[in-house]
């Protein structure tokens, strides 16, 4: 994205929309005519110029194999409420 970004009325509306969605922790759909700056506004809002390079360098999480050294502490997937109560009563 170019550094010559101009904050327009549409961009301010996008920021207001995005902030409302973050506050309500909901999902929103931004739509409109082509060329009005939806993608550029989203990239600027998300600080994509800064974060995008890390994602490209590290790779997307969907392509990564995660490992953990922690052991699960809760009941197993085959546990029933009755078995869980019996195990904790011991």
PDB file of N, CA and C in Angstrom:
ATOM      1  N   UNK A   1       0.853  -1.178   0.000  1.00  0.00           N
ATOM      2  CA  UNK A   1       0.000   0.000   0.000  1.00  0.00           C
ATOM      3  C   UNK A   1       0.889   1.228   0.000  1.00  0.00           C
ATOM      4  N   UNK A   2       0.480   2.212  -0.718  1.00  0.00           N
ATOM      5  CA  UNK A   2       1.298   3.418  -0.812  1.00  0.00           C
ATOM      6  C   UNK A   2       1.195   4.242   0.459  1.00  0.00           C
ATOM      7  N   UNK A   3       2.211   5.024   0.702  1.00  0.00           N
ATOM      8  CA  UNK A   3       2.229   5.900   1.869  1.00  0.00           C
ATOM      9  C   UNK A   3       1.402   7.166   1.615  1.00  0.00           C
ATOM     10  N   UNK A   4       0.890   7.321   0.416  1.00  0.00           N
ATOM     11  CA  UNK A   4       0.104   8.501   0.058  1.00  0.00           C
ATOM     12  C   UNK A   4      -1.377   8.288   0.314  1.00  0.00           C
ATOM     13  N   UNK A   5      -1.713   7.550   1.349  1.00  0.00           N
ATOM     14  CA  UNK A   5      -3.109   7.261   1.663  1.00  0.00           C
ATOM     15  C   UNK A   5      -3.801   8.549   2.095  1.00  0.00           C
ATOM     16  N   UNK A   6      -4.948   8.803   1.524  1.00  0.00           N
ATOM     17  CA  UNK A   6      -5.716  10.003   1.862  1.00  0.00           C
ATOM     18  C   UNK A   6      -6.924   9.567   2.679  1.00  0.00           C
ATOM     19  N   UNK A   7      -7.064  10.121   3.872  1.00  0.00           N
ATOM     20  CA  UNK A   7      -8.193   9.798   4.728  1.00  0.00           C
ATOM     21  C   UNK A   7      -9.417  10.538   4.193  1.00  0.00           C
ATOM     22  N   UNK A   8     -10.354   9.767   3.690  1.00  0.00           N
ATOM     23  CA  UNK A   8     -11.571  10.334   3.094  1.00  0.00           C
ATOM     24  C   UNK A   8     -12.761  10.094   4.019  1.00  0.00           C
ATOM     25  N   UNK A   9     -13.895  10.630   3.613  1.00  0.00           N
ATOM     26  CA  UNK A   9     -15.127  10.411   4.356  1.00  0.00           C
ATOM     27  C   UNK A   9     -15.460   8.915   4.400  1.00  0.00           C
ATOM     28  N   UNK A  10     -15.247   8.227   3.287  1.00  0.00           N
ATOM     29  CA  UNK A  10     -15.522   6.791   3.233  1.00  0.00           C
ATOM     30  C   UNK A  10     -14.611   6.021   4.174  1.00  0.00           C
ATOM     31  N   UNK A  11     -13.340   6.427   4.253  1.00  0.00           N
ATOM     32  CA  UNK A  11     -12.417   5.752   5.163  1.00  0.00           C
ATOM     33  C   UNK A  11     -12.847   5.976   6.611  1.00  0.00           C
ATOM     34  N   UNK A  12     -13.234   7.183   6.956  1.00  0.00           N
ATOM     35  CA  UNK A  12     -13.692   7.454   8.324  1.00  0.00           C
ATOM     36  C   UNK A  12     -14.933   6.620   8.648  1.00  0.00           C
ATOM     37  N   UNK A  13     -15.810   6.447   7.689  1.00  0.00           N
ATOM     38  CA  UNK A  13     -16.991   5.599   7.890  1.00  0.00           C
ATOM     39  C   UNK A  13     -16.578   4.145   8.102  1.00  0.00           C
ATOM     40  N   UNK A  14     -15.581   3.688   7.344  1.00  0.00           N
ATOM     41  CA  UNK A  14     -15.090   2.323   7.514  1.00  0.00           C
ATOM     42  C   UNK A  14     -14.516   2.136   8.910  1.00  0.00           C
ATOM     43  N   UNK A  15     -13.718   3.087   9.380  1.00  0.00           N
ATOM     44  CA  UNK A  15     -13.110   2.994  10.716  1.00  0.00           C
ATOM     45  C   UNK A  15     -14.205   2.961  11.788  1.00  0.00           C
ATOM     46  N   UNK A  16     -15.224   3.779  11.620  1.00  0.00           N
ATOM     47  CA  UNK A  16     -16.342   3.775  12.572  1.00  0.00           C
ATOM     48  C   UNK A  16     -17.030   2.407  12.582  1.00  0.00           C
ATOM     49  N   UNK A  17     -17.243   1.858  11.397  1.00  0.00           N
ATOM     50  CA  UNK A  17     -17.847   0.532  11.243  1.00  0.00           C
ATOM     51  C   UNK A  17     -16.975  -0.542  11.900  1.00  0.00           C
ATOM     52  N   UNK A  18     -15.682  -0.520  11.622  1.00  0.00           N
ATOM     53  CA  UNK A  18     -14.768  -1.527  12.161  1.00  0.00           C
ATOM     54  C   UNK A  18     -14.667  -1.429  13.685  1.00  0.00           C
ATOM     55  N   UNK A  19     -14.633  -0.230  14.211  1.00  0.00           N
ATOM     56  CA  UNK A  19     -14.573  -0.063  15.667  1.00  0.00           C
ATOM     57  C   UNK A  19     -15.842  -0.585  16.337  1.00  0.00           C
ATOM     58  N   UNK A  20     -16.994  -0.357  15.715  1.00  0.00           N
ATOM     59  CA  UNK A  20     -18.254  -0.851  16.274  1.00  0.00           C
ATOM     60  C   UNK A  20     -18.265  -2.378  16.299  1.00  0.00           C
ATOM     61  N   UNK A  21     -17.750  -2.987  15.260  1.00  0.00           N
ATOM     62  CA  UNK A  21     -17.703  -4.446  15.204  1.00  0.00           C
ATOM     63  C   UNK A  21     -16.755  -4.996  16.265  1.00  0.00           C
ATOM     64  N   UNK A  22     -15.612  -4.365  16.435  1.00  0.00           N
ATOM     65  CA  UNK A  22     -14.667  -4.814  17.468  1.00  0.00           C
ATOM     66  C   UNK A  22     -15.281  -4.681  18.847  1.00  0.00           C
ATOM     67  N   UNK A  23     -15.978  -3.576  19.090  1.00  0.00           N
ATOM     68  CA  UNK A  23     -16.595  -3.336  20.401  1.00  0.00           C
ATOM     69  C   UNK A  23     -17.662  -4.382  20.694  1.00  0.00           C
ATOM     70  N   UNK A  24     -18.479  -4.702  19.704  1.00  0.00           N
ATOM     71  CA  UNK A  24     -19.566  -5.664  19.893  1.00  0.00           C
ATOM     72  C   UNK A  24     -19.116  -7.108  19.710  1.00  0.00           C
ATOM     73  N   UNK A  25     -17.858  -7.320  19.352  1.00  0.00           N
ATOM     74  CA  UNK A  25     -17.302  -8.644  19.039  1.00  0.00           C
ATOM     75  C   UNK A  25     -18.248  -9.434  18.131  1.00  0.00           C
ATOM     76  N   UNK A  26     -18.582  -8.810  17.020  1.00  0.00           N
ATOM     77  CA  UNK A  26     -19.454  -9.461  16.052  1.00  0.00           C
ATOM     78  C   UNK A  26     -18.773  -9.467  14.687  1.00  0.00           C
ATOM     79  N   UNK A  27     -19.492  -9.914  13.707  1.00  0.00           N
ATOM     80  CA  UNK A  27     -18.973  -9.996  12.343  1.00  0.00           C
ATOM     81  C   UNK A  27     -19.712  -8.986  11.487  1.00  0.00           C
ATOM     82  N   UNK A  28     -19.002  -8.297  10.626  1.00  0.00           N
ATOM     83  CA  UNK A  28     -19.621  -7.340   9.732  1.00  0.00           C
ATOM     84  C   UNK A  28     -19.187  -7.575   8.311  1.00  0.00           C
ATOM     85  N   UNK A  29     -20.011  -7.159   7.385  1.00  0.00           N
ATOM     86  CA  UNK A  29     -19.695  -7.286   5.964  1.00  0.00           C
ATOM     87  C   UNK A  29     -19.657  -5.884   5.379  1.00  0.00           C
ATOM     88  N   UNK A  30     -18.540  -5.556   4.802  1.00  0.00           N
ATOM     89  CA  UNK A  30     -18.379  -4.260   4.156  1.00  0.00           C
ATOM     90  C   UNK A  30     -18.529  -4.479   2.652  1.00  0.00           C
ATOM     91  N   UNK A  31     -19.500  -3.821   2.063  1.00  0.00           N
ATOM     92  CA  UNK A  31     -19.720  -3.990   0.631  1.00  0.00           C
ATOM     93  C   UNK A  31     -20.000  -2.630   0.009  1.00  0.00           C
ATOM     94  N   UNK A  32     -19.826  -2.582  -1.270  1.00  0.00           N
ATOM     95  CA  UNK A  32     -20.070  -1.339  -1.986  1.00  0.00           C
ATOM     96  C   UNK A  32     -19.481  -1.385  -3.375  1.00  0.00           C
ATOM     97  N   UNK A  33     -19.553  -0.266  -4.031  1.00  0.00           N
ATOM     98  CA  UNK A  33     -19.051  -0.182  -5.399  1.00  0.00           C
ATOM     99  C   UNK A  33     -17.544  -0.406  -5.442  1.00  0.00           C
ATOM    100  N   UNK A  34     -17.093  -0.887  -6.568  1.00  0.00           N
ATOM    101  CA  UNK A  34     -15.668  -1.113  -6.759  1.00  0.00           C
ATOM    102  C   UNK A  34     -14.935   0.225  -6.832  1.00  0.00           C
ATOM    103  N   UNK A  35     -13.753   0.263  -6.253  1.00  0.00           N
ATOM    104  CA  UNK A  35     -12.899   1.436  -6.384  1.00  0.00           C
ATOM    105  C   UNK A  35     -13.109   2.537  -5.367  1.00  0.00           C
ATOM    106  N   UNK A  36     -13.945   2.302  -4.346  1.00  0.00           N
ATOM    107  CA  UNK A  36     -14.172   3.364  -3.359  1.00  0.00           C
ATOM    108  C   UNK A  36     -13.196   3.291  -2.195  1.00  0.00           C
ATOM    109  N   UNK A  37     -12.418   2.190  -2.092  1.00  0.00           N
ATOM    110  CA  UNK A  37     -11.363   2.112  -1.080  1.00  0.00           C
ATOM    111  C   UNK A  37     -11.622   1.161   0.066  1.00  0.00           C
ATOM    112  N   UNK A  38     -12.500   0.196  -0.114  1.00  0.00           N
ATOM    113  CA  UNK A  38     -12.784  -0.751   0.962  1.00  0.00           C
ATOM    114  C   UNK A  38     -11.539  -1.540   1.350  1.00  0.00           C
ATOM    115  N   UNK A  39     -10.859  -2.094   0.383  1.00  0.00           N
ATOM    116  CA  UNK A  39      -9.671  -2.903   0.665  1.00  0.00           C
ATOM    117  C   UNK A  39      -8.561  -2.051   1.256  1.00  0.00           C
ATOM    118  N   UNK A  40      -8.324  -0.888   0.683  1.00  0.00           N
ATOM    119  CA  UNK A  40      -7.262  -0.018   1.204  1.00  0.00           C
ATOM    120  C   UNK A  40      -7.573   0.434   2.630  1.00  0.00           C
ATOM    121  N   UNK A  41      -8.830   0.733   2.917  1.00  0.00           N
ATOM    122  CA  UNK A  41      -9.214   1.126   4.274  1.00  0.00           C
ATOM    123  C   UNK A  41      -9.010  -0.030   5.247  1.00  0.00           C
ATOM    124  N   UNK A  42      -9.373  -1.240   4.837  1.00  0.00           N
ATOM    125  CA  UNK A  42      -9.191  -2.415   5.694  1.00  0.00           C
ATOM    126  C   UNK A  42      -7.712  -2.680   5.947  1.00  0.00           C
ATOM    127  N   UNK A  43      -6.893  -2.558   4.903  1.00  0.00           N
ATOM    128  CA  UNK A  43      -5.452  -2.773   5.065  1.00  0.00           C
ATOM    129  C   UNK A  43      -4.850  -1.744   6.010  1.00  0.00           C
ATOM    130  N   UNK A  44      -5.269  -0.502   5.885  1.00  0.00           N
ATOM    131  CA  UNK A  44      -4.749   0.543   6.766  1.00  0.00           C
ATOM    132  C   UNK A  44      -5.229   0.317   8.200  1.00  0.00           C
ATOM    133  N   UNK A  45      -6.492  -0.033   8.374  1.00  0.00           N
ATOM    134  CA  UNK A  45      -7.049  -0.272   9.703  1.00  0.00           C
ATOM    135  C   UNK A  45      -6.323  -1.421  10.404  1.00  0.00           C
ATOM    136  N   UNK A  46      -5.981  -2.463   9.649  1.00  0.00           N
ATOM    137  CA  UNK A  46      -5.328  -3.645  10.209  1.00  0.00           C
ATOM    138  C   UNK A  46      -3.813  -3.493  10.306  1.00  0.00           C
ATOM    139  N   UNK A  47      -3.279  -2.337   9.920  1.00  0.00           N
ATOM    140  CA  UNK A  47      -1.823  -2.106   9.904  1.00  0.00           C
ATOM    141  C   UNK A  47      -1.131  -3.187   9.063  1.00  0.00           C
ATOM    142  N   UNK A  48      -1.716  -3.479   7.917  1.00  0.00           N
ATOM    143  CA  UNK A  48      -1.220  -4.566   7.080  1.00  0.00           C
ATOM    144  C   UNK A  48       0.206  -4.336   6.602  1.00  0.00           C
ATOM    145  N   UNK A  49       0.602  -3.086   6.393  1.00  0.00           N
ATOM    146  CA  UNK A  49       1.978  -2.832   5.947  1.00  0.00           C
ATOM    147  C   UNK A  49       2.978  -3.352   6.970  1.00  0.00           C
ATOM    148  N   UNK A  50       2.620  -3.283   8.235  1.00  0.00           N
ATOM    149  CA  UNK A  50       3.507  -3.765   9.298  1.00  0.00           C
ATOM    150  C   UNK A  50       3.351  -5.264   9.514  1.00  0.00           C
ATOM    151  N   UNK A  51       2.127  -5.738   9.643  1.00  0.00           N
ATOM    152  CA  UNK A  51       1.874  -7.129  10.002  1.00  0.00           C
ATOM    153  C   UNK A  51       1.969  -8.097   8.832  1.00  0.00           C
ATOM    154  N   UNK A  52       1.658  -7.636   7.649  1.00  0.00           N
ATOM    155  CA  UNK A  52       1.665  -8.520   6.484  1.00  0.00           C
ATOM    156  C   UNK A  52       3.008  -9.155   6.224  1.00  0.00           C
ATOM    157  N   UNK A  53       4.085  -8.427   6.473  1.00  0.00           N
ATOM    158  CA  UNK A  53       5.416  -8.999   6.245  1.00  0.00           C
ATOM    159  C   UNK A  53       5.700 -10.144   7.213  1.00  0.00           C
ATOM    160  N   UNK A  54       5.199 -10.059   8.443  1.00  0.00           N
ATOM    161  CA  UNK A  54       5.398 -11.154   9.401  1.00  0.00           C
ATOM    162  C   UNK A  54       4.622 -12.386   8.980  1.00  0.00           C
ATOM    163  N   UNK A  55       3.406 -12.192   8.495  1.00  0.00           N
ATOM    164  CA  UNK A  55       2.603 -13.331   8.053  1.00  0.00           C
ATOM    165  C   UNK A  55       3.260 -14.000   6.856  1.00  0.00           C
ATOM    166  N   UNK A  56       3.760 -13.201   5.931  1.00  0.00           N
ATOM    167  CA  UNK A  56       4.437 -13.779   4.772  1.00  0.00           C
ATOM    168  C   UNK A  56       5.705 -14.517   5.198  1.00  0.00           C
ATOM    169  N   UNK A  57       6.433 -13.959   6.169  1.00  0.00           N
ATOM    170  CA  UNK A  57       7.691 -14.557   6.619  1.00  0.00           C
ATOM    171  C   UNK A  57       7.448 -15.833   7.415  1.00  0.00           C
ATOM    172  N   UNK A  58       6.474 -15.819   8.316  1.00  0.00           N
ATOM    173  CA  UNK A  58       6.229 -16.968   9.190  1.00  0.00           C
ATOM    174  C   UNK A  58       5.311 -17.993   8.570  1.00  0.00           C
ATOM    175  N   UNK A  59       4.538 -17.605   7.597  1.00  0.00           N
ATOM    176  CA  UNK A  59       3.566 -18.498   6.990  1.00  0.00           C
ATOM    177  C   UNK A  59       2.232 -18.413   7.705  1.00  0.00           C
ATOM    178  N   UNK A  60       1.202 -18.838   7.034  1.00  0.00           N
ATOM    179  CA  UNK A  60      -0.136 -18.791   7.600  1.00  0.00           C
ATOM    180  C   UNK A  60      -0.300 -19.887   8.641  1.00  0.00           C
ATOM    181  N   UNK A  61      -1.081 -19.633   9.665  1.00  0.00           N
ATOM    182  CA  UNK A  61      -1.286 -20.591  10.749  1.00  0.00           C
ATOM    183  C   UNK A  61      -1.890 -21.893  10.236  1.00  0.00           C
ATOM    184  N   UNK A  62      -2.702 -21.845   9.197  1.00  0.00           N
ATOM    185  CA  UNK A  62      -3.321 -23.059   8.662  1.00  0.00           C
ATOM    186  C   UNK A  62      -2.279 -24.016   8.087  1.00  0.00           C
ATOM    187  N   UNK A  63      -1.137 -23.491   7.680  1.00  0.00           N
ATOM    188  CA  UNK A  63      -0.089 -24.326   7.095  1.00  0.00           C
ATOM    189  C   UNK A  63       0.951 -24.764   8.119  1.00  0.00           C
ATOM    190  N   UNK A  64       0.759 -24.410   9.371  1.00  0.00           N
ATOM    191  CA  UNK A  64       1.752 -24.670  10.398  1.00  0.00           C
ATOM    192  C   UNK A  64       1.333 -25.864  11.249  1.00  0.00           C
ATOM    193  N   UNK A  65       2.299 -26.666  11.672  1.00  0.00           N
ATOM    194  CA  UNK A  65       2.039 -27.770  12.587  1.00  0.00           C
ATOM    195  C   UNK A  65       2.342 -27.279  13.997  1.00  0.00           C
ATOM    196  N   UNK A  66       1.342 -27.321  14.835  1.00  0.00           N
ATOM    197  CA  UNK A  66       1.504 -26.849  16.207  1.00  0.00           C
ATOM    198  C   UNK A  66       1.829 -28.023  17.102  1.00  0.00           C
ATOM    199  N   UNK A  67       2.774 -27.812  17.999  1.00  0.00           N
ATOM    200  CA  UNK A  67       3.096 -28.834  18.990  1.00  0.00           C
ATOM    201  C   UNK A  67       2.967 -28.210  20.368  1.00  0.00           C
ATOM    202  N   UNK A  68       2.664 -29.035  21.315  1.00  0.00           N
ATOM    203  CA  UNK A  68       2.498 -28.541  22.668  1.00  0.00           C
ATOM    204  C   UNK A  68       3.168 -29.501  23.625  1.00  0.00           C
ATOM    205  N   UNK A  69       3.772 -28.972  24.665  1.00  0.00           N
ATOM    206  CA  UNK A  69       4.396 -29.811  25.685  1.00  0.00           C
ATOM    207  C   UNK A  69       3.469 -29.985  26.877  1.00  0.00           C
ATOM    208  N   UNK A  70       2.328 -29.297  26.866  1.00  0.00           N
ATOM    209  CA  UNK A  70       1.382 -29.419  27.971  1.00  0.00           C
ATOM    210  C   UNK A  70       0.498 -30.634  27.781  1.00  0.00           C
ATOM    211  N   UNK A  71       0.159 -31.264  28.887  1.00  0.00           N
ATOM    212  CA  UNK A  71      -0.748 -32.400  28.842  1.00  0.00           C
ATOM    213  C   UNK A  71      -2.159 -31.907  29.116  1.00  0.00           C
ATOM    214  N   UNK A  72      -3.144 -32.497  28.475  1.00  0.00           N
ATOM    215  CA  UNK A  72      -4.520 -32.100  28.754  1.00  0.00           C
ATOM    216  C   UNK A  72      -4.871 -32.392  30.209  1.00  0.00           C
ATOM    217  N   UNK A  73      -5.611 -31.501  30.842  1.00  0.00           N
ATOM    218  CA  UNK A  73      -5.942 -31.684  32.254  1.00  0.00           C
ATOM    219  C   UNK A  73      -7.409 -31.992  32.475  1.00  0.00           C
ATOM    220  N   UNK A  74      -8.233 -31.804  31.487  1.00  0.00           N
ATOM    221  CA  UNK A  74      -9.669 -32.032  31.654  1.00  0.00           C
ATOM    222  C   UNK A  74     -10.045 -33.465  31.374  1.00  0.00           C
ATOM    223  N   UNK A  75     -11.335 -33.775  31.502  1.00  0.00           N
ATOM    224  CA  UNK A  75     -11.779 -35.129  31.190  1.00  0.00           C
ATOM    225  C   UNK A  75     -11.573 -35.437  29.720  1.00  0.00           C
ATOM    226  N   UNK A  76     -11.329 -36.677  29.420  1.00  0.00           N
ATOM    227  CA  UNK A  76     -11.106 -37.084  28.043  1.00  0.00           C
ATOM    228  C   UNK A  76     -12.368 -36.998  27.219  1.00  0.00           C
ATOM    229  N   UNK A  77     -12.251 -37.132  25.915  1.00  0.00           N
ATOM    230  CA  UNK A  77     -13.412 -36.998  25.033  1.00  0.00           C
ATOM    231  C   UNK A  77     -14.430 -38.110  25.223  1.00  0.00           C
ATOM    232  N   UNK A  78     -14.004 -39.273  25.748  1.00  0.00           N
ATOM    233  CA  UNK A  78     -14.955 -40.369  25.935  1.00  0.00           C
ATOM    234  C   UNK A  78     -15.547 -40.371  27.337  1.00  0.00           C
ATOM    235  N   UNK A  79     -15.250 -39.399  28.151  1.00  0.00           N
ATOM    236  CA  UNK A  79     -15.792 -39.341  29.502  1.00  0.00           C
ATOM    237  C   UNK A  79     -17.252 -38.933  29.478  1.00  0.00           C
ATOM    238  N   UNK A  80     -18.000 -39.506  30.391  1.00  0.00           N
ATOM    239  CA  UNK A  80     -19.386 -39.107  30.597  1.00  0.00           C
ATOM    240  C   UNK A  80     -19.459 -38.342  31.902  1.00  0.00           C
ATOM    241  N   UNK A  81     -20.508 -37.576  32.134  1.00  0.00           N
ATOM    242  CA  UNK A  81     -20.611 -36.863  33.408  1.00  0.00           C
ATOM    243  C   UNK A  81     -20.522 -37.799  34.605  1.00  0.00           C
ATOM    244  N   UNK A  82     -21.094 -39.006  34.511  1.00  0.00           N
ATOM    245  CA  UNK A  82     -21.044 -39.962  35.614  1.00  0.00           C
ATOM    246  C   UNK A  82     -19.610 -40.392  35.880  1.00  0.00           C
ATOM    247  N   UNK A  83     -18.866 -40.733  34.812  1.00  0.00           N
ATOM    248  CA  UNK A  83     -17.479 -41.139  34.985  1.00  0.00           C
ATOM    249  C   UNK A  83     -16.619 -39.991  35.529  1.00  0.00           C
ATOM    250  N   UNK A  84     -16.890 -38.768  35.069  1.00  0.00           N
ATOM    251  CA  UNK A  84     -16.129 -37.624  35.558  1.00  0.00           C
ATOM    252  C   UNK A  84     -16.354 -37.447  37.048  1.00  0.00           C
ATOM    253  N   UNK A  85     -17.590 -37.605  37.505  1.00  0.00           N
ATOM    254  CA  UNK A  85     -17.875 -37.474  38.929  1.00  0.00           C
ATOM    255  C   UNK A  85     -17.217 -38.590  39.720  1.00  0.00           C
ATOM    256  N   UNK A  86     -17.220 -39.809  39.181  1.00  0.00           N
ATOM    257  CA  UNK A  86     -16.576 -40.921  39.871  1.00  0.00           C
ATOM    258  C   UNK A  86     -15.078 -40.699  39.995  1.00  0.00           C
ATOM    259  N   UNK A  87     -14.464 -40.173  38.935  1.00  0.00           N
ATOM    260  CA  UNK A  87     -13.009 -39.932  38.954  1.00  0.00           C
ATOM    261  C   UNK A  87     -12.631 -38.834  39.933  1.00  0.00           C
ATOM    262  N   UNK A  88     -13.439 -37.788  40.035  1.00  0.00           N
ATOM    263  CA  UNK A  88     -13.093 -36.692  40.932  1.00  0.00           C
ATOM    264  C   UNK A  88     -13.427 -37.013  42.379  1.00  0.00           C
ATOM    265  N   UNK A  89     -14.328 -37.984  42.612  1.00  0.00           N
ATOM    266  CA  UNK A  89     -14.695 -38.352  43.986  1.00  0.00           C
ATOM    267  C   UNK A  89     -13.618 -39.182  44.651  1.00  0.00           C
ATOM    268  N   UNK A  90     -12.713 -39.737  43.912  1.00  0.00           N
ATOM    269  CA  UNK A  90     -11.670 -40.608  44.485  1.00  0.00           C
ATOM    270  C   UNK A  90     -10.670 -39.847  45.258  1.00  0.00           C
TER     271      UNK A  90
END
